[in-house]
Amino acid sequence: MPNKLPENLVIRLATKKDTPLILSFIKELAEYEKMLNEVEATEDMLAENLFGKHQYAEVLIAEYDGHPAGQALFFHNFSTFVGKPGIYLEDLYVRPHLRGKGIGKSLLMELVKLARQRNCGRVEWVVLDWNEPSINFYKSLGALPMNEWTTFRITEEAINKLADI
């Protein structure tokens, strides 16, 4: 599978000046996933957590024909079984009018290259079970669904309750 970027596509690491763009991509993805009402992130929160003292995640920005096209927001995790760090892909998003041009695949391939450079043992993510286009896309690249695992979440409200016990 060739890793050459499509013509007119640039992928780069985000900088603090990209914060408004990152938030707009997050909101566009949330709207697509029918979860826009759940977005609490603000530009200030993203600037602090992506580019502040503790940088909890990184973002690859795709630009097509000089215009913002999409992003891959990711962070490191760790596999005790593999004994190595991994990369967790939180968001992969391409603007709807630019889908089908290889932008999403290119973002994912750049993330895979970063994983290899950083000696990671895995790249992982979750997909909403109704999102067949994304599921089929990931499978076409050789990604395997981890159907035997169930994702659990403790929300901020539950964190606050549990922390007070």
Protein backbone atom coordinates (compact mmCIF):
# COMPACT_ATOMS: atom_id res chain seq x y z
CA MET A 1 0.00 0.00 0.00
CA PRO A 2 1.76 3.21 -1.12
CA ASN A 3 2.17 5.96 1.45
CA LYS A 4 2.50 8.81 -1.05
CA LEU A 5 0.29 11.77 -0.16
CA PRO A 6 -2.35 12.80 -2.67
CA GLU A 7 -1.43 15.79 -4.80
CA ASN A 8 -2.15 19.14 -3.10
CA LEU A 9 -2.26 17.54 0.38
CA VAL A 10 -0.05 18.66 3.27
CA ILE A 11 -0.11 17.03 6.70
CA ARG A 12 1.56 18.79 9.60
CA LEU A 13 1.56 18.83 13.39
CA ALA A 14 -0.78 21.44 14.81
CA THR A 15 0.45 24.50 16.68
CA LYS A 16 -1.32 26.68 19.21
CA LYS A 17 -2.55 29.01 16.46
CA ASP A 18 -4.59 26.05 15.12
CA THR A 19 -6.72 25.88 18.27
CA PRO A 20 -9.83 27.50 16.71
CA LEU A 21 -9.55 25.16 13.72
CA ILE A 22 -9.16 22.10 15.96
CA LEU A 23 -12.30 23.06 17.87
CA SER A 24 -14.22 23.59 14.64
CA PHE A 25 -13.19 20.11 13.44
CA ILE A 26 -14.26 18.63 16.79
CA LYS A 27 -17.68 20.27 16.47
CA GLU A 28 -18.06 19.17 12.84
CA LEU A 29 -17.26 15.58 13.80
CA ALA A 30 -19.65 15.74 16.76
CA GLU A 31 -22.39 16.99 14.47
CA TYR A 32 -21.76 14.09 12.06
CA GLU A 33 -21.91 11.67 15.01
CA LYS A 34 -25.15 13.29 16.22
CA MET A 35 -23.41 14.31 19.48
CA LEU A 36 -22.89 18.06 19.06
CA ASN A 37 -24.80 18.75 22.28
CA GLU A 38 -22.09 16.80 24.17
CA VAL A 39 -19.18 19.04 23.13
CA GLU A 40 -17.97 21.00 26.15
CA ALA A 41 -14.51 21.82 24.82
CA THR A 42 -13.55 25.48 24.40
CA GLU A 43 -10.60 27.10 22.67
CA ASP A 44 -9.07 27.93 26.05
CA MET A 45 -9.40 24.32 27.24
CA LEU A 46 -7.84 22.97 24.05
CA ALA A 47 -5.02 25.52 24.07
CA GLU A 48 -4.15 24.58 27.65
CA ASN A 49 -4.42 20.80 27.22
CA LEU A 50 -2.85 20.51 23.77
CA PHE A 51 -0.20 23.23 23.91
CA GLY A 52 0.16 24.20 27.59
CA LYS A 53 2.50 23.00 30.34
CA HIS A 54 1.18 19.43 30.09
CA GLN A 55 0.46 18.46 26.50
CA TYR A 56 -2.04 15.63 26.81
CA ALA A 57 -2.62 15.07 23.09
CA GLU A 58 -1.32 16.00 19.66
CA VAL A 59 -3.05 16.84 16.41
CA LEU A 60 -2.16 16.25 12.78
CA ILE A 61 -3.77 18.80 10.48
CA ALA A 62 -4.49 18.03 6.82
CA GLU A 63 -4.60 20.88 4.32
CA TYR A 64 -5.90 20.26 0.81
CA ASP A 65 -5.27 22.88 -1.87
CA GLY A 66 -4.15 25.21 0.92
CA HIS A 67 -7.40 24.87 2.91
CA PRO A 68 -8.06 23.01 6.18
CA ALA A 69 -9.38 19.55 5.31
CA GLY A 70 -9.26 17.41 8.45
CA GLN A 71 -7.41 16.27 11.50
CA ALA A 72 -6.25 13.31 13.54
CA LEU A 73 -6.21 13.98 17.29
CA PHE A 74 -4.23 11.37 19.24
CA PHE A 75 -2.32 10.63 22.43
CA HIS A 76 -0.05 7.96 23.85
CA ASN A 77 -1.21 5.05 25.95
CA PHE A 78 0.72 2.01 27.16
CA SER A 79 0.25 -1.73 26.65
CA THR A 80 1.42 -3.87 29.53
CA PHE A 81 1.10 -6.98 27.35
CA VAL A 82 3.27 -5.56 24.57
CA GLY A 83 5.50 -3.63 26.99
CA LYS A 84 5.51 -0.59 24.73
CA PRO A 85 3.67 2.68 24.27
CA GLY A 86 0.84 2.87 21.81
CA ILE A 87 -1.09 5.61 20.09
CA TYR A 88 -4.79 6.10 20.73
CA LEU A 89 -6.60 7.90 17.93
CA GLU A 90 -9.34 9.97 19.55
CA ASP A 91 -10.66 11.69 16.40
CA LEU A 92 -10.11 11.19 12.70
CA TYR A 93 -12.10 13.72 10.73
CA VAL A 94 -12.24 14.89 7.11
CA ARG A 95 -14.66 17.54 5.96
CA PRO A 96 -17.54 15.92 4.02
CA HIS A 97 -16.91 17.68 0.68
CA LEU A 98 -13.31 16.42 0.70
CA ARG A 99 -13.97 12.76 1.52
CA GLY A 100 -12.90 10.20 -1.04
CA LYS A 101 -9.68 12.04 -1.94
CA GLY A 102 -7.40 9.93 0.29
CA ILE A 103 -7.15 12.53 3.06
CA GLY A 104 -8.39 10.26 5.86
CA LYS A 105 -6.15 7.43 4.73
CA SER A 106 -3.19 9.82 4.52
CA LEU A 107 -3.83 11.12 8.04
CA LEU A 108 -4.00 7.56 9.35
CA MET A 109 -0.82 6.58 7.47
CA GLU A 110 1.03 9.59 8.93
CA LEU A 111 -0.12 8.46 12.37
CA VAL A 112 1.14 4.94 11.65
CA LYS A 113 4.51 6.37 10.60
CA LEU A 114 4.67 8.32 13.87
CA ALA A 115 3.85 5.12 15.76
CA ARG A 116 6.76 3.35 14.09
CA GLN A 117 9.14 6.29 14.72
CA ARG A 118 8.12 6.31 18.39
CA ASN A 119 8.49 2.53 18.76
CA CYS A 120 4.81 2.00 19.51
CA GLY A 121 3.31 -1.47 19.60
CA ARG A 122 -0.24 -0.47 18.67
CA VAL A 123 -2.51 2.14 17.18
CA GLU A 124 -6.06 1.87 18.49
CA TRP A 125 -9.37 3.72 18.31
CA VAL A 126 -13.10 3.19 18.67
CA VAL A 127 -15.84 3.62 16.09
CA LEU A 128 -19.55 4.08 16.68
CA ASP A 129 -21.22 0.80 15.75
CA TRP A 130 -23.60 2.50 13.29
CA ASN A 131 -20.80 4.19 11.34
CA GLU A 132 -20.51 1.58 8.57
CA PRO A 133 -18.54 3.84 6.14
CA SER A 134 -15.78 4.29 8.74
CA ILE A 135 -15.84 0.65 9.82
CA ASN A 136 -15.49 -0.50 6.21
CA PHE A 137 -12.70 2.05 5.60
CA TYR A 138 -10.71 0.85 8.61
CA LYS A 139 -11.19 -2.82 7.70
CA SER A 140 -9.98 -2.07 4.14
CA LEU A 141 -6.69 -0.91 5.67
CA GLY A 142 -6.29 -4.12 7.66
CA ALA A 143 -7.56 -2.85 11.01
CA LEU A 144 -9.21 -5.50 13.15
CA PRO A 145 -12.31 -4.90 15.29
CA MET A 146 -11.81 -5.86 18.93
CA ASN A 147 -15.33 -7.21 19.41
CA GLU A 148 -14.47 -9.15 22.57
CA TRP A 149 -13.71 -5.92 24.46
CA THR A 150 -16.29 -3.58 26.00
CA THR A 151 -15.42 0.07 26.47
CA PHE A 152 -16.22 1.49 29.91
CA ARG A 153 -16.31 5.15 30.87
CA ILE A 154 -16.46 7.08 34.10
CA THR A 155 -17.72 10.59 33.37
CA GLU A 156 -16.60 13.77 35.11
CA GLU A 157 -19.72 13.74 37.29
CA ALA A 158 -18.98 10.17 38.40
CA ILE A 159 -15.30 11.03 38.92
CA ASN A 160 -16.32 13.81 41.31
CA LYS A 161 -18.68 11.53 43.20
CA LEU A 162 -16.18 8.69 43.44
CA ALA A 163 -13.32 10.98 44.46
CA ASP A 164 -15.36 12.15 47.45
CA ILE A 165 -15.90 8.64 48.83
